[in-house]
Amino acid sequence: MSENRPTQPDRPVRDPDPARNRAYWERIERNAAEAPPLTNEQKATLRAIFAPVVAAMTREVK
């Protein structure tokens, strides 16, 4: 992980071997870093998909 990025939340264990698990998540981070930015249309679609989940979580927190 990069030192200038915020601390990542706990992640699921994808491999019981800590070295292989760490390598898995490092590969995921590299892939995400190399991906092109989302378009405004893609962002709007994701917001619409997750809006009900966020609303439900907000109600539970109160």
PDB file of N, CA and C in Angstrom:
ATOM      1  N   MET A   1       0.837  -1.185   0.000  1.00  0.00           N
ATOM      2  CA  MET A   1       0.000   0.000   0.000  1.00  0.00           C
ATOM      3  C   MET A   1       0.877   1.241   0.000  1.00  0.00           C
ATOM      4  N   SER A   2       0.338   2.277  -0.576  1.00  0.00           N
ATOM      5  CA  SER A   2       1.075   3.532  -0.647  1.00  0.00           C
ATOM      6  C   SER A   2       1.017   4.244   0.701  1.00  0.00           C
ATOM      7  N   GLU A   3       2.125   4.856   1.101  1.00  0.00           N
ATOM      8  CA  GLU A   3       2.180   5.527   2.400  1.00  0.00           C
ATOM      9  C   GLU A   3       1.306   6.782   2.455  1.00  0.00           C
ATOM     10  N   ASN A   4       1.023   7.404   1.312  1.00  0.00           N
ATOM     11  CA  ASN A   4       0.261   8.653   1.340  1.00  0.00           C
ATOM     12  C   ASN A   4      -1.243   8.430   1.181  1.00  0.00           C
ATOM     13  N   ARG A   5      -1.695   7.188   1.219  1.00  0.00           N
ATOM     14  CA  ARG A   5      -3.125   6.902   1.133  1.00  0.00           C
ATOM     15  C   ARG A   5      -3.680   6.666   2.531  1.00  0.00           C
ATOM     16  N   PRO A   6      -4.967   6.947   2.730  1.00  0.00           N
ATOM     17  CA  PRO A   6      -5.549   6.694   4.051  1.00  0.00           C
ATOM     18  C   PRO A   6      -5.516   5.199   4.378  1.00  0.00           C
ATOM     19  N   THR A   7      -5.582   4.904   5.653  1.00  0.00           N
ATOM     20  CA  THR A   7      -5.587   3.517   6.101  1.00  0.00           C
ATOM     21  C   THR A   7      -6.828   2.817   5.564  1.00  0.00           C
ATOM     22  N   GLN A   8      -6.641   1.617   5.040  1.00  0.00           N
ATOM     23  CA  GLN A   8      -7.755   0.848   4.500  1.00  0.00           C
ATOM     24  C   GLN A   8      -8.506   0.155   5.629  1.00  0.00           C
ATOM     25  N   PRO A   9      -9.817   0.036   5.487  1.00  0.00           N
ATOM     26  CA  PRO A   9     -10.570  -0.706   6.502  1.00  0.00           C
ATOM     27  C   PRO A   9     -10.188  -2.185   6.447  1.00  0.00           C
ATOM     28  N   ASP A  10     -10.581  -2.920   7.474  1.00  0.00           N
ATOM     29  CA  ASP A  10     -10.329  -4.358   7.461  1.00  0.00           C
ATOM     30  C   ASP A  10     -10.961  -4.952   6.212  1.00  0.00           C
ATOM     31  N   ARG A  11     -10.231  -5.830   5.592  1.00  0.00           N
ATOM     32  CA  ARG A  11     -10.714  -6.460   4.363  1.00  0.00           C
ATOM     33  C   ARG A  11     -10.912  -7.946   4.602  1.00  0.00           C
ATOM     34  N   PRO A  12     -11.758  -8.561   3.785  1.00  0.00           N
ATOM     35  CA  PRO A  12     -11.927 -10.008   3.916  1.00  0.00           C
ATOM     36  C   PRO A  12     -10.610 -10.728   3.624  1.00  0.00           C
ATOM     37  N   VAL A  13     -10.410 -11.839   4.252  1.00  0.00           N
ATOM     38  CA  VAL A  13      -9.225 -12.651   3.986  1.00  0.00           C
ATOM     39  C   VAL A  13      -9.528 -13.505   2.766  1.00  0.00           C
ATOM     40  N   ARG A  14      -8.770 -13.306   1.707  1.00  0.00           N
ATOM     41  CA  ARG A  14      -8.976 -14.055   0.463  1.00  0.00           C
ATOM     42  C   ARG A  14      -8.087 -15.294   0.385  1.00  0.00           C
ATOM     43  N   ASP A  15      -7.060 -15.331   1.220  1.00  0.00           N
ATOM     44  CA  ASP A  15      -6.165 -16.484   1.260  1.00  0.00           C
ATOM     45  C   ASP A  15      -5.661 -16.622   2.690  1.00  0.00           C
ATOM     46  N   PRO A  16      -5.665 -17.820   3.253  1.00  0.00           N
ATOM     47  CA  PRO A  16      -5.221 -17.969   4.640  1.00  0.00           C
ATOM     48  C   PRO A  16      -3.737 -17.644   4.844  1.00  0.00           C
ATOM     49  N   ASP A  17      -2.946 -17.730   3.786  1.00  0.00           N
ATOM     50  CA  ASP A  17      -1.524 -17.377   3.867  1.00  0.00           C
ATOM     51  C   ASP A  17      -1.419 -15.850   3.850  1.00  0.00           C
ATOM     52  N   PRO A  18      -0.914 -15.215   4.915  1.00  0.00           N
ATOM     53  CA  PRO A  18      -0.859 -13.751   4.967  1.00  0.00           C
ATOM     54  C   PRO A  18      -0.118 -13.113   3.790  1.00  0.00           C
ATOM     55  N   ALA A  19       0.959 -13.733   3.326  1.00  0.00           N
ATOM     56  CA  ALA A  19       1.711 -13.165   2.204  1.00  0.00           C
ATOM     57  C   ALA A  19       0.884 -13.190   0.925  1.00  0.00           C
ATOM     58  N   ARG A  20       0.199 -14.301   0.685  1.00  0.00           N
ATOM     59  CA  ARG A  20      -0.640 -14.388  -0.529  1.00  0.00           C
ATOM     60  C   ARG A  20      -1.854 -13.469  -0.416  1.00  0.00           C
ATOM     61  N   ASN A  21      -2.421 -13.354   0.777  1.00  0.00           N
ATOM     62  CA  ASN A  21      -3.547 -12.448   0.982  1.00  0.00           C
ATOM     63  C   ASN A  21      -3.123 -11.000   0.720  1.00  0.00           C
ATOM     64  N   ARG A  22      -1.964 -10.609   1.253  1.00  0.00           N
ATOM     65  CA  ARG A  22      -1.444  -9.257   1.029  1.00  0.00           C
ATOM     66  C   ARG A  22      -1.192  -9.022  -0.463  1.00  0.00           C
ATOM     67  N   ALA A  23      -0.617 -10.015  -1.146  1.00  0.00           N
ATOM     68  CA  ALA A  23      -0.352  -9.890  -2.585  1.00  0.00           C
ATOM     69  C   ALA A  23      -1.650  -9.725  -3.361  1.00  0.00           C
ATOM     70  N   TYR A  24      -2.685 -10.455  -2.951  1.00  0.00           N
ATOM     71  CA  TYR A  24      -3.994 -10.322  -3.610  1.00  0.00           C
ATOM     72  C   TYR A  24      -4.487  -8.882  -3.538  1.00  0.00           C
ATOM     73  N   TRP A  25      -4.494  -8.306  -2.330  1.00  0.00           N
ATOM     74  CA  TRP A  25      -5.017  -6.961  -2.165  1.00  0.00           C
ATOM     75  C   TRP A  25      -4.112  -5.913  -2.818  1.00  0.00           C
ATOM     76  N   GLU A  26      -2.811  -6.149  -2.854  1.00  0.00           N
ATOM     77  CA  GLU A  26      -1.914  -5.234  -3.565  1.00  0.00           C
ATOM     78  C   GLU A  26      -2.217  -5.249  -5.058  1.00  0.00           C
ATOM     79  N   ARG A  27      -2.511  -6.442  -5.600  1.00  0.00           N
ATOM     80  CA  ARG A  27      -2.877  -6.548  -7.021  1.00  0.00           C
ATOM     81  C   ARG A  27      -4.181  -5.797  -7.298  1.00  0.00           C
ATOM     82  N   ILE A  28      -5.145  -5.925  -6.401  1.00  0.00           N
ATOM     83  CA  ILE A  28      -6.417  -5.212  -6.558  1.00  0.00           C
ATOM     84  C   ILE A  28      -6.163  -3.703  -6.566  1.00  0.00           C
ATOM     85  N   GLU A  29      -5.331  -3.232  -5.638  1.00  0.00           N
ATOM     86  CA  GLU A  29      -5.023  -1.794  -5.571  1.00  0.00           C
ATOM     87  C   GLU A  29      -4.336  -1.314  -6.845  1.00  0.00           C
ATOM     88  N   ARG A  30      -3.395  -2.108  -7.379  1.00  0.00           N
ATOM     89  CA  ARG A  30      -2.718  -1.717  -8.629  1.00  0.00           C
ATOM     90  C   ARG A  30      -3.712  -1.641  -9.770  1.00  0.00           C
ATOM     91  N   ASN A  31      -4.598  -2.630  -9.873  1.00  0.00           N
ATOM     92  CA  ASN A  31      -5.602  -2.625 -10.945  1.00  0.00           C
ATOM     93  C   ASN A  31      -6.504  -1.407 -10.839  1.00  0.00           C
ATOM     94  N   ALA A  32      -6.942  -1.094  -9.628  1.00  0.00           N
ATOM     95  CA  ALA A  32      -7.815   0.071  -9.437  1.00  0.00           C
ATOM     96  C   ALA A  32      -7.088   1.365  -9.768  1.00  0.00           C
ATOM     97  N   ALA A  33      -5.810   1.454  -9.406  1.00  0.00           N
ATOM     98  CA  ALA A  33      -5.038   2.667  -9.669  1.00  0.00           C
ATOM     99  C   ALA A  33      -4.826   2.881 -11.178  1.00  0.00           C
ATOM    100  N   GLU A  34      -4.762   1.801 -11.937  1.00  0.00           N
ATOM    101  CA  GLU A  34      -4.524   1.897 -13.376  1.00  0.00           C
ATOM    102  C   GLU A  34      -5.803   2.092 -14.184  1.00  0.00           C
ATOM    103  N   ALA A  35      -6.939   1.912 -13.557  1.00  0.00           N
ATOM    104  CA  ALA A  35      -8.211   2.034 -14.271  1.00  0.00           C
ATOM    105  C   ALA A  35      -8.480   3.488 -14.627  1.00  0.00           C
ATOM    106  N   PRO A  36      -9.124   3.714 -15.778  1.00  0.00           N
ATOM    107  CA  PRO A  36      -9.464   5.099 -16.132  1.00  0.00           C
ATOM    108  C   PRO A  36     -10.519   5.648 -15.182  1.00  0.00           C
ATOM    109  N   PRO A  37     -10.575   6.969 -15.041  1.00  0.00           N
ATOM    110  CA  PRO A  37     -11.594   7.541 -14.154  1.00  0.00           C
ATOM    111  C   PRO A  37     -12.997   7.253 -14.680  1.00  0.00           C
ATOM    112  N   LEU A  38     -13.943   7.213 -13.753  1.00  0.00           N
ATOM    113  CA  LEU A  38     -15.338   6.991 -14.143  1.00  0.00           C
ATOM    114  C   LEU A  38     -15.892   8.221 -14.848  1.00  0.00           C
ATOM    115  N   THR A  39     -16.777   7.991 -15.807  1.00  0.00           N
ATOM    116  CA  THR A  39     -17.469   9.103 -16.460  1.00  0.00           C
ATOM    117  C   THR A  39     -18.572   9.595 -15.524  1.00  0.00           C
ATOM    118  N   ASN A  40     -19.115  10.766 -15.804  1.00  0.00           N
ATOM    119  CA  ASN A  40     -20.224  11.286 -14.990  1.00  0.00           C
ATOM    120  C   ASN A  40     -21.424  10.348 -15.048  1.00  0.00           C
ATOM    121  N   GLU A  41     -21.668   9.755 -16.218  1.00  0.00           N
ATOM    122  CA  GLU A  41     -22.789   8.820 -16.352  1.00  0.00           C
ATOM    123  C   GLU A  41     -22.571   7.578 -15.481  1.00  0.00           C
ATOM    124  N   GLN A  42     -21.347   7.062 -15.444  1.00  0.00           N
ATOM    125  CA  GLN A  42     -21.053   5.909 -14.601  1.00  0.00           C
ATOM    126  C   GLN A  42     -21.213   6.258 -13.119  1.00  0.00           C
ATOM    127  N   LYS A  43     -20.758   7.442 -12.733  1.00  0.00           N
ATOM    128  CA  LYS A  43     -20.910   7.876 -11.339  1.00  0.00           C
ATOM    129  C   LYS A  43     -22.380   7.986 -10.966  1.00  0.00           C
ATOM    130  N   ALA A  44     -23.184   8.567 -11.847  1.00  0.00           N
ATOM    131  CA  ALA A  44     -24.615   8.716 -11.571  1.00  0.00           C
ATOM    132  C   ALA A  44     -25.281   7.350 -11.436  1.00  0.00           C
ATOM    133  N   THR A  45     -24.896   6.408 -12.286  1.00  0.00           N
ATOM    134  CA  THR A  45     -25.457   5.056 -12.220  1.00  0.00           C
ATOM    135  C   THR A  45     -25.123   4.403 -10.887  1.00  0.00           C
ATOM    136  N   LEU A  46     -23.879   4.515 -10.464  1.00  0.00           N
ATOM    137  CA  LEU A  46     -23.481   3.923  -9.182  1.00  0.00           C
ATOM    138  C   LEU A  46     -24.206   4.585  -8.011  1.00  0.00           C
ATOM    139  N   ARG A  47     -24.359   5.912  -8.071  1.00  0.00           N
ATOM    140  CA  ARG A  47     -25.095   6.594  -7.000  1.00  0.00           C
ATOM    141  C   ARG A  47     -26.526   6.083  -6.925  1.00  0.00           C
ATOM    142  N   ALA A  48     -27.155   5.897  -8.087  1.00  0.00           N
ATOM    143  CA  ALA A  48     -28.538   5.410  -8.109  1.00  0.00           C
ATOM    144  C   ALA A  48     -28.623   3.986  -7.561  1.00  0.00           C
ATOM    145  N   ILE A  49     -27.647   3.168  -7.885  1.00  0.00           N
ATOM    146  CA  ILE A  49     -27.644   1.786  -7.403  1.00  0.00           C
ATOM    147  C   ILE A  49     -27.510   1.736  -5.883  1.00  0.00           C
ATOM    148  N   PHE A  50     -26.606   2.554  -5.338  1.00  0.00           N
ATOM    149  CA  PHE A  50     -26.309   2.472  -3.912  1.00  0.00           C
ATOM    150  C   PHE A  50     -27.143   3.416  -3.044  1.00  0.00           C
ATOM    151  N   ALA A  51     -27.931   4.292  -3.629  1.00  0.00           N
ATOM    152  CA  ALA A  51     -28.724   5.239  -2.844  1.00  0.00           C
ATOM    153  C   ALA A  51     -29.640   4.540  -1.832  1.00  0.00           C
ATOM    154  N   PRO A  52     -30.359   3.472  -2.212  1.00  0.00           N
ATOM    155  CA  PRO A  52     -31.205   2.806  -1.210  1.00  0.00           C
ATOM    156  C   PRO A  52     -30.395   2.204  -0.056  1.00  0.00           C
ATOM    157  N   VAL A  53     -29.212   1.704  -0.347  1.00  0.00           N
ATOM    158  CA  VAL A  53     -28.372   1.121   0.701  1.00  0.00           C
ATOM    159  C   VAL A  53     -27.908   2.208   1.664  1.00  0.00           C
ATOM    160  N   VAL A  54     -27.471   3.327   1.120  1.00  0.00           N
ATOM    161  CA  VAL A  54     -27.004   4.433   1.954  1.00  0.00           C
ATOM    162  C   VAL A  54     -28.149   4.972   2.799  1.00  0.00           C
ATOM    163  N   ALA A  55     -29.325   5.098   2.205  1.00  0.00           N
ATOM    164  CA  ALA A  55     -30.483   5.601   2.951  1.00  0.00           C
ATOM    165  C   ALA A  55     -30.832   4.658   4.100  1.00  0.00           C
ATOM    166  N   ALA A  56     -30.797   3.361   3.839  1.00  0.00           N
ATOM    167  CA  ALA A  56     -31.106   2.386   4.889  1.00  0.00           C
ATOM    168  C   ALA A  56     -30.068   2.443   6.001  1.00  0.00           C
ATOM    169  N   MET A  57     -28.800   2.561   5.635  1.00  0.00           N
ATOM    170  CA  MET A  57     -27.747   2.643   6.645  1.00  0.00           C
ATOM    171  C   MET A  57     -27.890   3.907   7.487  1.00  0.00           C
ATOM    172  N   THR A  58     -28.271   5.002   6.847  1.00  0.00           N
ATOM    173  CA  THR A  58     -28.443   6.267   7.560  1.00  0.00           C
ATOM    174  C   THR A  58     -29.574   6.155   8.571  1.00  0.00           C
ATOM    175  N   ARG A  59     -30.660   5.490   8.181  1.00  0.00           N
ATOM    176  CA  ARG A  59     -31.780   5.309   9.110  1.00  0.00           C
ATOM    177  C   ARG A  59     -31.373   4.448  10.307  1.00  0.00           C
ATOM    178  N   GLU A  60     -30.543   3.430  10.076  1.00  0.00           N
ATOM    179  CA  GLU A  60     -30.124   2.530  11.149  1.00  0.00           C
ATOM    180  C   GLU A  60     -29.231   3.234  12.149  1.00  0.00           C
ATOM    181  N   VAL A  61     -28.418   4.187  11.706  1.00  0.00           N
ATOM    182  CA  VAL A  61     -27.451   4.867  12.559  1.00  0.00           C
ATOM    183  C   VAL A  61     -28.164   5.804  13.522  1.00  0.00           C
ATOM    184  N   LYS A  62     -29.270   6.406  13.117  1.00  0.00           N
ATOM    185  CA  LYS A  62     -29.959   7.387  13.947  1.00  0.00           C
ATOM    186  C   LYS A  62     -30.560   6.793  15.178  1.00  0.00           C
TER     187      LYS A  62
END
